[in-house]
Amino acid sequence: MAEEYPPILDAAQVAELLSMNVQMVRRYAREGRLPAYKLPGGRTFKFFRDEIFDFVRAHPVTESEDGVIGSRSTE
């Protein structure tokens, strides 16, 4: 699946990959919740595909003792 995307992604591609709204991807990038980069003088975020996959792997879904399913943060 990773090979379907180029090594450097824009916010729309990350949104598609993660099934998220593009505005939410941009917000997460601004807040530092997603690994993102801007070129000097640039206005748009760029993302390394492999870092996005690493981010997803670092946030597995688990079931709590009360049966609620959520994300377990490893940060």
Protein backbone atom coordinates (compact mmCIF):
# COMPACT_ATOMS: atom_id res chain seq x y z
CA MET A 1 0.00 0.00 0.00
CA ALA A 2 2.80 2.46 0.83
CA GLU A 3 4.16 2.18 -2.69
CA GLU A 4 0.88 3.56 -4.07
CA TYR A 5 1.89 6.98 -2.74
CA PRO A 6 4.98 9.06 -3.60
CA PRO A 7 7.69 9.47 -0.93
CA ILE A 8 6.67 13.10 -0.26
CA LEU A 9 2.97 13.84 0.20
CA ASP A 10 0.82 16.94 0.38
CA ALA A 11 -2.01 17.44 2.87
CA ALA A 12 -4.67 16.15 0.46
CA GLN A 13 -2.77 12.90 -0.08
CA VAL A 14 -2.31 12.41 3.67
CA ALA A 15 -6.02 13.08 4.19
CA GLU A 16 -6.87 10.44 1.59
CA LEU A 17 -4.40 7.97 3.06
CA LEU A 18 -5.72 8.42 6.61
CA SER A 19 -9.39 8.88 5.61
CA MET A 20 -9.40 12.30 7.26
CA ASN A 21 -10.57 15.75 6.27
CA VAL A 22 -7.75 17.80 4.70
CA GLN A 23 -8.40 20.67 7.15
CA MET A 24 -7.89 18.26 10.06
CA VAL A 25 -4.60 17.08 8.55
CA ARG A 26 -3.43 20.70 8.30
CA ARG A 27 -4.52 21.37 11.88
CA TYR A 28 -2.67 18.30 13.16
CA ALA A 29 0.43 19.44 11.24
CA ARG A 30 0.23 22.97 12.73
CA GLU A 31 -0.20 21.53 16.23
CA GLY A 32 2.72 19.12 15.76
CA ARG A 33 0.49 16.07 16.06
CA LEU A 34 1.51 14.87 12.58
CA PRO A 35 5.12 15.03 11.36
CA ALA A 36 5.15 17.77 8.71
CA TYR A 37 7.54 20.16 7.00
CA LYS A 38 7.42 23.48 5.19
CA LEU A 39 10.02 24.62 2.72
CA PRO A 40 11.61 28.01 3.51
CA GLY A 41 9.14 30.64 2.36
CA GLY A 42 6.58 27.94 1.59
CA ARG A 43 3.00 27.98 2.75
CA THR A 44 2.04 24.36 2.29
CA PHE A 45 2.87 21.38 4.45
CA LYS A 46 4.81 18.44 3.06
CA PHE A 47 4.85 15.01 4.66
CA PHE A 48 7.19 12.04 4.33
CA ARG A 49 5.10 8.98 3.50
CA ASP A 50 7.16 6.70 5.74
CA GLU A 51 6.79 9.06 8.72
CA ILE A 52 3.01 9.03 8.27
CA PHE A 53 3.02 5.22 8.33
CA ASP A 54 5.26 5.31 11.43
CA PHE A 55 2.81 7.73 13.06
CA VAL A 56 -0.10 5.35 12.41
CA ARG A 57 1.88 2.38 13.77
CA ALA A 58 2.66 4.36 16.94
CA HIS A 59 -1.06 4.83 17.68
CA PRO A 60 -2.63 1.36 17.80
CA VAL A 61 -6.28 0.95 18.74
CA THR A 62 -6.91 -0.86 21.99
CA GLU A 63 -9.93 -1.82 24.07
CA SER A 64 -10.03 -0.51 27.62
CA GLU A 65 -11.26 -2.46 30.64
CA ASP A 66 -14.70 -0.84 30.31
CA GLY A 67 -15.01 -2.01 26.69
CA VAL A 68 -14.37 1.39 25.12
CA ILE A 69 -12.21 1.25 22.02
CA GLY A 70 -9.69 4.08 21.60
CA SER A 71 -6.20 5.01 20.56
CA ARG A 72 -3.34 4.18 22.86
CA SER A 73 -0.75 6.94 22.71
CA THR A 74 2.86 5.86 23.01
CA GLU A 75 4.20 9.42 23.29
